[in-house]
Amino acid sequence: MGTIAAVIVALWIAIGDNRRLQEDRREKAIKDRQEQASRVTTWIESAKESDKFLDGSPVSLYMVLSNANSEAISSVIVSFDIFKVLPTLTPYIYRGEDIGRDEFLYAILPPGKWRMPVHEGWQGMSAQPGVMVAFSDSRNCHWIRMTDGTLTEYSENVIQRRKIYFPQGISTPVPY
């Protein structure tokens, strides 16, 4: 009886250890997947009064994206967002299958800091500027970082989800 009880206790401990080990592996896999994505950040910076687009219209401000990884990200869409009152977390601008005026599409964005200009005309009562970025990392995991910094993994990349068809203007990155 004592031997059977000892075997049962040993099995119980082994099964519990195995469950904890599997949970630790799962958490490590999630953390590893998020590691590259967490190094992609965005923010807003003011433009100088002398900053102009090629057509001569003034640049209102800049969206800045930092890819602090050693690897490139792909299928990148950087979108200017307007929030009516902070801390609202719902994008104000509708996103469809066409790339908008203040959106930038990149096939690949290498490591570094990148700057994208924003047109005037977004300002208004309680309007707050922000940046949203969607991308695929080198492991082919797909991510969206909202204006508030929230990072969410998706099952498909943003180009497929939005049904963006080519040819559309793929932007040339401007280093910062």
N, C-alpha and C. Protein backbone atom coordinates (compact mmCIF):
# COMPACT_ATOMS: atom_id res chain seq x y z
N MET A 1 0.83 -1.20 0.00
CA MET A 1 0.00 0.00 0.00
C MET A 1 0.87 1.26 0.00
N GLY A 2 1.92 1.23 0.82
CA GLY A 2 2.82 2.38 0.88
C GLY A 2 3.51 2.63 -0.43
N THR A 3 3.91 1.56 -1.12
CA THR A 3 4.57 1.69 -2.42
C THR A 3 3.61 2.28 -3.44
N ILE A 4 2.38 1.81 -3.45
CA ILE A 4 1.38 2.32 -4.40
C ILE A 4 1.10 3.80 -4.10
N ALA A 5 0.98 4.15 -2.85
CA ALA A 5 0.75 5.55 -2.48
C ALA A 5 1.94 6.41 -2.90
N ALA A 6 3.16 5.92 -2.72
CA ALA A 6 4.35 6.67 -3.11
C ALA A 6 4.39 6.88 -4.62
N VAL A 7 4.02 5.84 -5.38
CA VAL A 7 3.99 5.95 -6.85
C VAL A 7 2.94 6.97 -7.27
N ILE A 8 1.78 6.93 -6.64
CA ILE A 8 0.71 7.89 -6.99
C ILE A 8 1.15 9.31 -6.68
N VAL A 9 1.77 9.53 -5.53
CA VAL A 9 2.26 10.86 -5.17
C VAL A 9 3.34 11.31 -6.15
N ALA A 10 4.24 10.41 -6.52
CA ALA A 10 5.31 10.75 -7.47
C ALA A 10 4.72 11.11 -8.83
N LEU A 11 3.72 10.35 -9.28
CA LEU A 11 3.05 10.68 -10.55
C LEU A 11 2.34 12.03 -10.46
N TRP A 12 1.67 12.26 -9.35
CA TRP A 12 0.96 13.53 -9.14
C TRP A 12 1.94 14.71 -9.24
N ILE A 13 3.09 14.58 -8.59
CA ILE A 13 4.11 15.64 -8.61
C ILE A 13 4.67 15.80 -10.03
N ALA A 14 4.93 14.68 -10.71
CA ALA A 14 5.47 14.74 -12.08
C ALA A 14 4.49 15.41 -13.04
N ILE A 15 3.20 15.07 -12.92
CA ILE A 15 2.18 15.67 -13.78
C ILE A 15 2.08 17.17 -13.51
N GLY A 16 2.10 17.56 -12.23
CA GLY A 16 2.06 18.99 -11.89
C GLY A 16 3.27 19.74 -12.43
N ASP A 17 4.47 19.12 -12.29
CA ASP A 17 5.68 19.74 -12.82
C ASP A 17 5.61 19.88 -14.33
N ASN A 18 5.07 18.87 -14.99
CA ASN A 18 4.95 18.91 -16.45
C ASN A 18 4.00 20.02 -16.88
N ARG A 19 2.90 20.20 -16.17
CA ARG A 19 1.95 21.28 -16.48
C ARG A 19 2.61 22.65 -16.32
N ARG A 20 3.34 22.82 -15.21
CA ARG A 20 4.04 24.09 -14.98
C ARG A 20 5.09 24.34 -16.05
N LEU A 21 5.81 23.29 -16.46
CA LEU A 21 6.82 23.42 -17.50
C LEU A 21 6.18 23.81 -18.83
N GLN A 22 5.05 23.19 -19.17
CA GLN A 22 4.34 23.55 -20.41
C GLN A 22 3.84 24.99 -20.36
N GLU A 23 3.33 25.43 -19.23
CA GLU A 23 2.86 26.81 -19.06
C GLU A 23 4.02 27.79 -19.19
N ASP A 24 5.16 27.46 -18.59
CA ASP A 24 6.34 28.31 -18.71
C ASP A 24 6.81 28.40 -20.15
N ARG A 25 6.79 27.28 -20.87
CA ARG A 25 7.18 27.29 -22.29
C ARG A 25 6.23 28.14 -23.12
N ARG A 26 4.94 28.02 -22.83
CA ARG A 26 3.95 28.82 -23.56
C ARG A 26 4.16 30.30 -23.31
N GLU A 27 4.37 30.68 -22.06
CA GLU A 27 4.62 32.09 -21.73
C GLU A 27 5.90 32.59 -22.37
N LYS A 28 6.95 31.77 -22.40
CA LYS A 28 8.20 32.16 -23.04
C LYS A 28 8.01 32.34 -24.54
N ALA A 29 7.23 31.46 -25.18
CA ALA A 29 6.96 31.58 -26.61
C ALA A 29 6.21 32.88 -26.90
N ILE A 30 5.25 33.24 -26.07
CA ILE A 30 4.52 34.50 -26.24
C ILE A 30 5.47 35.68 -26.08
N LYS A 31 6.30 35.63 -25.06
CA LYS A 31 7.26 36.71 -24.81
C LYS A 31 8.26 36.84 -25.96
N ASP A 32 8.72 35.70 -26.49
CA ASP A 32 9.65 35.72 -27.62
C ASP A 32 8.99 36.31 -28.85
N ARG A 33 7.70 35.97 -29.10
CA ARG A 33 6.99 36.53 -30.25
C ARG A 33 6.83 38.03 -30.12
N GLN A 34 6.60 38.51 -28.90
CA GLN A 34 6.37 39.94 -28.69
C GLN A 34 7.67 40.74 -28.66
N GLU A 35 8.80 40.07 -28.50
CA GLU A 35 10.06 40.79 -28.32
C GLU A 35 10.37 41.74 -29.48
N GLN A 36 10.30 41.25 -30.71
CA GLN A 36 10.61 42.12 -31.84
C GLN A 36 9.54 43.19 -32.00
N ALA A 37 8.28 42.83 -31.86
CA ALA A 37 7.19 43.79 -32.04
C ALA A 37 7.25 44.91 -31.01
N SER A 38 7.68 44.61 -29.80
CA SER A 38 7.73 45.64 -28.76
C SER A 38 8.79 46.70 -29.03
N ARG A 39 9.70 46.44 -29.95
CA ARG A 39 10.75 47.41 -30.28
C ARG A 39 10.36 48.32 -31.44
N VAL A 40 9.12 48.21 -31.89
CA VAL A 40 8.60 49.11 -32.93
C VAL A 40 7.68 50.10 -32.23
N THR A 41 8.09 51.37 -32.22
CA THR A 41 7.32 52.41 -31.52
C THR A 41 7.09 53.60 -32.44
N THR A 42 6.09 54.40 -32.09
CA THR A 42 5.75 55.59 -32.89
C THR A 42 5.46 56.76 -31.97
N TRP A 43 5.60 57.97 -32.52
CA TRP A 43 5.23 59.16 -31.79
C TRP A 43 5.04 60.31 -32.78
N ILE A 44 4.53 61.43 -32.27
CA ILE A 44 4.29 62.64 -33.06
C ILE A 44 5.35 63.69 -32.70
N GLU A 45 5.85 64.38 -33.72
CA GLU A 45 6.76 65.51 -33.50
C GLU A 45 6.27 66.71 -34.29
N SER A 46 6.56 67.89 -33.78
CA SER A 46 6.18 69.12 -34.46
C SER A 46 7.04 69.35 -35.70
N ALA A 47 6.44 70.00 -36.68
CA ALA A 47 7.17 70.38 -37.89
C ALA A 47 7.63 71.83 -37.77
N LYS A 48 8.67 72.18 -38.48
CA LYS A 48 9.11 73.57 -38.55
C LYS A 48 8.20 74.31 -39.52
N GLU A 49 8.09 75.61 -39.33
CA GLU A 49 7.25 76.41 -40.25
C GLU A 49 7.76 76.34 -41.68
N SER A 50 9.05 76.10 -41.85
CA SER A 50 9.65 76.06 -43.19
C SER A 50 9.47 74.69 -43.87
N ASP A 51 8.98 73.67 -43.15
CA ASP A 51 8.81 72.34 -43.73
C ASP A 51 7.62 72.34 -44.69
N LYS A 52 7.87 71.88 -45.91
CA LYS A 52 6.84 71.86 -46.95
C LYS A 52 6.84 70.53 -47.67
N PHE A 53 5.67 70.17 -48.22
CA PHE A 53 5.56 69.04 -49.13
C PHE A 53 6.12 69.47 -50.49
N LEU A 54 6.27 68.52 -51.40
CA LEU A 54 6.78 68.84 -52.74
C LEU A 54 5.88 69.82 -53.48
N ASP A 55 4.57 69.79 -53.19
CA ASP A 55 3.65 70.71 -53.87
C ASP A 55 3.62 72.09 -53.21
N GLY A 56 4.43 72.29 -52.16
CA GLY A 56 4.52 73.59 -51.49
C GLY A 56 3.60 73.75 -50.30
N SER A 57 2.69 72.80 -50.09
CA SER A 57 1.78 72.91 -48.94
C SER A 57 2.56 72.63 -47.65
N PRO A 58 2.14 73.27 -46.56
CA PRO A 58 2.89 73.12 -45.31
C PRO A 58 2.72 71.75 -44.66
N VAL A 59 3.78 71.30 -44.02
CA VAL A 59 3.73 70.08 -43.22
C VAL A 59 3.23 70.48 -41.84
N SER A 60 2.19 69.82 -41.36
CA SER A 60 1.59 70.14 -40.07
C SER A 60 2.44 69.59 -38.93
N LEU A 61 2.78 68.32 -39.03
CA LEU A 61 3.62 67.66 -38.04
C LEU A 61 4.16 66.39 -38.66
N TYR A 62 4.94 65.64 -37.90
CA TYR A 62 5.53 64.40 -38.40
C TYR A 62 5.14 63.23 -37.53
N MET A 63 4.91 62.10 -38.18
CA MET A 63 4.81 60.83 -37.48
C MET A 63 6.21 60.23 -37.53
N VAL A 64 6.70 59.75 -36.41
CA VAL A 64 8.02 59.13 -36.37
C VAL A 64 7.84 57.68 -35.95
N LEU A 65 8.50 56.78 -36.69
CA LEU A 65 8.48 55.36 -36.37
C LEU A 65 9.91 54.92 -36.09
N SER A 66 10.11 54.23 -34.99
CA SER A 66 11.41 53.69 -34.64
C SER A 66 11.34 52.17 -34.66
N ASN A 67 12.18 51.57 -35.51
CA ASN A 67 12.34 50.12 -35.52
C ASN A 67 13.68 49.84 -34.86
N ALA A 68 13.68 49.57 -33.56
CA ALA A 68 14.90 49.38 -32.78
C ALA A 68 15.37 47.93 -32.80
N ASN A 69 14.95 47.17 -33.79
CA ASN A 69 15.38 45.78 -33.93
C ASN A 69 16.61 45.70 -34.82
N SER A 70 17.22 44.53 -34.85
CA SER A 70 18.32 44.30 -35.78
C SER A 70 17.79 43.75 -37.10
N GLU A 71 16.48 43.50 -37.17
CA GLU A 71 15.86 42.96 -38.38
C GLU A 71 14.77 43.91 -38.88
N ALA A 72 14.51 43.83 -40.18
CA ALA A 72 13.48 44.66 -40.79
C ALA A 72 12.09 44.15 -40.44
N ILE A 73 11.10 45.03 -40.56
CA ILE A 73 9.70 44.65 -40.47
C ILE A 73 9.11 44.80 -41.87
N SER A 74 8.00 44.13 -42.14
CA SER A 74 7.43 44.16 -43.48
C SER A 74 5.94 44.43 -43.43
N SER A 75 5.36 44.65 -44.62
CA SER A 75 3.93 44.94 -44.75
C SER A 75 3.51 46.00 -43.75
N VAL A 76 4.19 47.13 -43.79
CA VAL A 76 4.01 48.18 -42.78
C VAL A 76 3.04 49.23 -43.30
N ILE A 77 2.07 49.59 -42.46
CA ILE A 77 1.21 50.74 -42.74
C ILE A 77 1.26 51.64 -41.51
N VAL A 78 1.68 52.88 -41.74
CA VAL A 78 1.71 53.88 -40.68
C VAL A 78 0.57 54.85 -40.97
N SER A 79 -0.34 55.00 -40.00
CA SER A 79 -1.54 55.80 -40.21
C SER A 79 -1.62 56.93 -39.19
N PHE A 80 -1.97 58.12 -39.69
CA PHE A 80 -2.24 59.25 -38.81
C PHE A 80 -3.64 59.07 -38.24
N ASP A 81 -3.76 59.23 -36.94
CA ASP A 81 -5.05 59.10 -36.26
C ASP A 81 -5.43 60.42 -35.62
N ILE A 82 -6.72 60.67 -35.57
CA ILE A 82 -7.23 61.83 -34.85
C ILE A 82 -8.18 61.32 -33.78
N PHE A 83 -7.94 61.75 -32.57
CA PHE A 83 -8.82 61.41 -31.47
C PHE A 83 -9.52 62.68 -31.04
N LYS A 84 -10.81 62.58 -30.87
CA LYS A 84 -11.58 63.78 -30.51
C LYS A 84 -11.32 64.22 -29.08
N VAL A 85 -11.28 63.30 -28.15
CA VAL A 85 -11.00 63.64 -26.77
C VAL A 85 -10.19 62.49 -26.18
N LEU A 86 -9.04 62.80 -25.67
CA LEU A 86 -8.25 61.75 -25.01
C LEU A 86 -8.85 61.46 -23.65
N PRO A 87 -8.82 60.27 -23.12
CA PRO A 87 -8.15 59.11 -23.66
C PRO A 87 -9.07 58.16 -24.44
N THR A 88 -9.73 58.60 -25.46
CA THR A 88 -10.52 57.72 -26.32
C THR A 88 -9.56 56.83 -27.08
N LEU A 89 -9.89 55.56 -27.21
CA LEU A 89 -8.99 54.63 -27.87
C LEU A 89 -9.55 54.13 -29.20
N THR A 90 -10.54 54.79 -29.74
CA THR A 90 -11.13 54.39 -31.01
C THR A 90 -10.67 55.33 -32.11
N PRO A 91 -10.06 54.79 -33.19
CA PRO A 91 -9.60 55.67 -34.27
C PRO A 91 -10.75 56.45 -34.89
N TYR A 92 -10.51 57.69 -35.18
CA TYR A 92 -11.52 58.58 -35.74
C TYR A 92 -11.60 58.43 -37.26
N ILE A 93 -10.48 58.13 -37.89
CA ILE A 93 -10.44 58.03 -39.35
C ILE A 93 -10.81 56.62 -39.78
N TYR A 94 -11.73 56.51 -40.76
CA TYR A 94 -12.11 55.21 -41.32
C TYR A 94 -10.97 54.67 -42.17
N ARG A 95 -10.70 53.40 -42.08
CA ARG A 95 -9.67 52.77 -42.88
C ARG A 95 -10.28 51.72 -43.78
N GLY A 96 -10.14 51.90 -45.08
CA GLY A 96 -10.68 50.96 -46.06
C GLY A 96 -9.56 50.36 -46.88
N GLU A 97 -9.90 50.02 -48.12
CA GLU A 97 -8.93 49.34 -48.97
C GLU A 97 -7.97 50.28 -49.69
N ASP A 98 -8.17 51.57 -49.57
CA ASP A 98 -7.24 52.53 -50.19
C ASP A 98 -6.35 53.16 -49.14
N ILE A 99 -5.12 53.42 -49.52
CA ILE A 99 -4.18 54.10 -48.63
C ILE A 99 -4.56 55.57 -48.60
N GLY A 100 -4.77 56.11 -47.41
CA GLY A 100 -5.21 57.49 -47.25
C GLY A 100 -4.09 58.50 -47.46
N ARG A 101 -4.46 59.76 -47.44
CA ARG A 101 -3.53 60.86 -47.67
C ARG A 101 -2.41 60.89 -46.63
N ASP A 102 -2.72 60.63 -45.40
CA ASP A 102 -1.72 60.63 -44.34
C ASP A 102 -1.45 59.22 -43.82
N GLU A 103 -1.40 58.27 -44.76
CA GLU A 103 -1.00 56.90 -44.46
C GLU A 103 0.19 56.57 -45.35
N PHE A 104 1.06 55.73 -44.84
CA PHE A 104 2.25 55.34 -45.58
C PHE A 104 2.35 53.83 -45.59
N LEU A 105 2.54 53.26 -46.77
CA LEU A 105 2.65 51.83 -46.97
C LEU A 105 4.09 51.51 -47.34
N TYR A 106 4.70 50.60 -46.60
CA TYR A 106 6.07 50.18 -46.88
C TYR A 106 6.10 48.66 -47.02
N ALA A 107 6.75 48.18 -48.08
CA ALA A 107 6.92 46.74 -48.25
C ALA A 107 7.84 46.23 -47.15
N ILE A 108 8.96 46.92 -46.95
CA ILE A 108 9.94 46.57 -45.91
C ILE A 108 10.46 47.85 -45.29
N LEU A 109 10.60 47.85 -43.98
CA LEU A 109 11.15 49.00 -43.26
C LEU A 109 12.33 48.50 -42.42
N PRO A 110 13.54 48.88 -42.82
CA PRO A 110 14.72 48.40 -42.08
C PRO A 110 14.83 49.03 -40.70
N PRO A 111 15.76 48.53 -39.90
CA PRO A 111 15.98 49.13 -38.59
C PRO A 111 16.35 50.61 -38.72
N GLY A 112 15.96 51.39 -37.74
CA GLY A 112 16.26 52.82 -37.74
C GLY A 112 15.03 53.63 -37.38
N LYS A 113 15.18 54.96 -37.50
CA LYS A 113 14.07 55.89 -37.26
C LYS A 113 13.63 56.44 -38.60
N TRP A 114 12.31 56.54 -38.77
CA TRP A 114 11.73 56.97 -40.03
C TRP A 114 10.69 58.04 -39.75
N ARG A 115 10.61 59.02 -40.66
CA ARG A 115 9.74 60.18 -40.44
C ARG A 115 8.78 60.35 -41.61
N MET A 116 7.50 60.58 -41.29
CA MET A 116 6.46 60.74 -42.29
C MET A 116 5.68 62.03 -42.03
N PRO A 117 5.55 62.91 -43.03
CA PRO A 117 4.84 64.18 -42.83
C PRO A 117 3.33 64.02 -42.83
N VAL A 118 2.66 64.94 -42.13
CA VAL A 118 1.20 64.96 -42.05
C VAL A 118 0.71 66.30 -42.59
N HIS A 119 -0.34 66.25 -43.40
CA HIS A 119 -0.93 67.47 -43.96
C HIS A 119 -1.69 68.27 -42.90
N GLU A 120 -1.88 69.53 -43.18
CA GLU A 120 -2.72 70.37 -42.30
C GLU A 120 -4.18 70.01 -42.52
N GLY A 121 -5.04 70.55 -41.66
CA GLY A 121 -6.47 70.36 -41.82
C GLY A 121 -7.07 69.38 -40.84
N TRP A 122 -6.28 68.77 -40.01
CA TRP A 122 -6.80 67.82 -39.04
C TRP A 122 -7.17 68.50 -37.74
N GLN A 123 -6.65 69.72 -37.50
CA GLN A 123 -6.86 70.40 -36.22
C GLN A 123 -8.33 70.77 -36.04
N GLY A 124 -8.75 70.73 -34.82
CA GLY A 124 -10.12 71.11 -34.49
C GLY A 124 -10.29 71.05 -32.99
N MET A 125 -11.50 71.36 -32.55
CA MET A 125 -11.78 71.33 -31.12
C MET A 125 -11.54 69.95 -30.54
N SER A 126 -10.73 69.87 -29.55
CA SER A 126 -10.43 68.63 -28.83
C SER A 126 -9.77 67.56 -29.67
N ALA A 127 -9.33 67.87 -30.89
CA ALA A 127 -8.68 66.88 -31.74
C ALA A 127 -7.24 66.67 -31.27
N GLN A 128 -6.86 65.43 -31.06
CA GLN A 128 -5.52 65.08 -30.63
C GLN A 128 -4.87 64.19 -31.68
N PRO A 129 -3.65 64.49 -32.12
CA PRO A 129 -2.99 63.66 -33.13
C PRO A 129 -2.39 62.40 -32.52
N GLY A 130 -2.32 61.38 -33.32
CA GLY A 130 -1.70 60.13 -32.89
C GLY A 130 -1.25 59.32 -34.09
N VAL A 131 -0.54 58.24 -33.82
CA VAL A 131 -0.03 57.37 -34.87
C VAL A 131 -0.41 55.93 -34.56
N MET A 132 -0.85 55.22 -35.59
CA MET A 132 -1.10 53.80 -35.49
C MET A 132 -0.21 53.11 -36.52
N VAL A 133 0.41 52.00 -36.15
CA VAL A 133 1.26 51.25 -37.08
C VAL A 133 0.86 49.79 -37.06
N ALA A 134 0.77 49.21 -38.25
CA ALA A 134 0.51 47.78 -38.40
C ALA A 134 1.67 47.21 -39.21
N PHE A 135 2.15 46.03 -38.82
CA PHE A 135 3.32 45.46 -39.49
C PHE A 135 3.40 43.96 -39.24
N SER A 136 4.27 43.32 -40.00
CA SER A 136 4.61 41.91 -39.80
C SER A 136 6.08 41.86 -39.39
N ASP A 137 6.40 41.05 -38.40
CA ASP A 137 7.79 40.96 -37.95
C ASP A 137 8.52 39.86 -38.74
N SER A 138 9.80 39.64 -38.42
CA SER A 138 10.61 38.68 -39.16
C SER A 138 10.15 37.24 -38.96
N ARG A 139 9.35 36.99 -37.95
CA ARG A 139 8.80 35.65 -37.71
C ARG A 139 7.44 35.48 -38.38
N ASN A 140 7.04 36.48 -39.14
CA ASN A 140 5.76 36.52 -39.84
C ASN A 140 4.57 36.54 -38.87
N CYS A 141 4.77 37.16 -37.72
CA CYS A 141 3.66 37.46 -36.81
C CYS A 141 3.17 38.85 -37.17
N HIS A 142 1.89 39.10 -37.06
CA HIS A 142 1.29 40.35 -37.52
C HIS A 142 0.81 41.14 -36.31
N TRP A 143 1.13 42.44 -36.30
CA TRP A 143 0.90 43.29 -35.12
C TRP A 143 0.27 44.62 -35.49
N ILE A 144 -0.45 45.18 -34.54
CA ILE A 144 -0.93 46.56 -34.64
C ILE A 144 -0.60 47.25 -33.32
N ARG A 145 0.05 48.41 -33.41
CA ARG A 145 0.30 49.24 -32.23
C ARG A 145 -0.60 50.46 -32.37
N MET A 146 -1.54 50.57 -31.44
CA MET A 146 -2.48 51.68 -31.45
C MET A 146 -1.81 52.95 -30.92
N THR A 147 -2.49 54.05 -31.05
CA THR A 147 -1.96 55.34 -30.62
C THR A 147 -1.61 55.34 -29.14
N ASP A 148 -2.35 54.62 -28.35
CA ASP A 148 -2.07 54.59 -26.91
C ASP A 148 -0.92 53.66 -26.54
N GLY A 149 -0.30 53.02 -27.55
CA GLY A 149 0.84 52.14 -27.31
C GLY A 149 0.48 50.68 -27.18
N THR A 150 -0.81 50.36 -27.16
CA THR A 150 -1.25 48.98 -27.03
C THR A 150 -0.78 48.17 -28.24
N LEU A 151 -0.17 47.03 -27.98
CA LEU A 151 0.34 46.15 -29.02
C LEU A 151 -0.52 44.90 -29.06
N THR A 152 -1.10 44.60 -30.24
CA THR A 152 -2.01 43.47 -30.37
C THR A 152 -1.57 42.61 -31.55
N GLU A 153 -1.54 41.30 -31.35
CA GLU A 153 -1.20 40.37 -32.42
C GLU A 153 -2.47 39.99 -33.18
N TYR A 154 -2.34 39.87 -34.53
CA TYR A 154 -3.47 39.49 -35.38
C TYR A 154 -3.10 38.27 -36.19
N SER A 155 -4.10 37.56 -36.67
CA SER A 155 -3.87 36.33 -37.42
C SER A 155 -3.46 36.59 -38.87
N GLU A 156 -3.75 37.76 -39.41
CA GLU A 156 -3.34 38.09 -40.78
C GLU A 156 -2.78 39.50 -40.81
N ASN A 157 -1.97 39.78 -41.84
CA ASN A 157 -1.39 41.12 -41.88
C ASN A 157 -2.43 42.14 -42.32
N VAL A 158 -2.13 43.38 -42.05
CA VAL A 158 -3.10 44.46 -42.26
C VAL A 158 -3.45 44.64 -43.74
N ILE A 159 -2.54 44.32 -44.64
CA ILE A 159 -2.80 44.46 -46.07
C ILE A 159 -3.89 43.48 -46.49
N GLN A 160 -3.81 42.25 -45.99
CA GLN A 160 -4.86 41.27 -46.28
C GLN A 160 -6.17 41.64 -45.59
N ARG A 161 -6.08 42.06 -44.34
CA ARG A 161 -7.28 42.36 -43.56
C ARG A 161 -8.05 43.53 -44.16
N ARG A 162 -7.33 44.55 -44.63
CA ARG A 162 -8.00 45.71 -45.23
C ARG A 162 -8.32 45.51 -46.70
N LYS A 163 -7.89 44.38 -47.26
CA LYS A 163 -8.10 44.07 -48.68
C LYS A 163 -7.47 45.14 -49.57
N ILE A 164 -6.23 45.49 -49.27
CA ILE A 164 -5.50 46.47 -50.07
C ILE A 164 -4.97 45.76 -51.31
N TYR A 165 -5.39 46.25 -52.45
CA TYR A 165 -4.96 45.66 -53.72
C TYR A 165 -3.89 46.53 -54.35
N PHE A 166 -2.97 45.90 -55.03
CA PHE A 166 -1.89 46.63 -55.68
C PHE A 166 -2.21 46.74 -57.16
N PRO A 167 -1.71 47.74 -57.90
CA PRO A 167 -0.69 48.67 -57.42
C PRO A 167 -1.28 49.82 -56.61
N GLN A 168 -0.69 50.08 -55.49
CA GLN A 168 -0.93 51.29 -54.71
C GLN A 168 0.44 51.85 -54.39
N GLY A 169 0.48 53.12 -54.04
CA GLY A 169 1.75 53.78 -53.81
C GLY A 169 2.49 53.24 -52.62
N ILE A 170 3.53 52.46 -52.84
CA ILE A 170 4.40 52.03 -51.77
C ILE A 170 5.37 53.17 -51.51
N SER A 171 5.42 53.65 -50.28
CA SER A 171 6.24 54.80 -49.92
C SER A 171 7.72 54.41 -49.86
N THR A 172 8.55 55.41 -50.10
CA THR A 172 9.99 55.25 -49.90
C THR A 172 10.31 55.79 -48.52
N PRO A 173 10.94 54.99 -47.67
CA PRO A 173 11.22 55.46 -46.31
C PRO A 173 12.16 56.65 -46.29
N VAL A 174 11.88 57.61 -45.42
CA VAL A 174 12.75 58.78 -45.23
C VAL A 174 13.39 58.64 -43.86
N PRO A 175 14.72 58.42 -43.81
CA PRO A 175 15.37 58.26 -42.50
C PRO A 175 15.31 59.54 -41.69
N TYR A 176 15.38 59.38 -40.41
CA TYR A 176 15.26 60.52 -39.50
C TYR A 176 16.52 60.59 -38.66
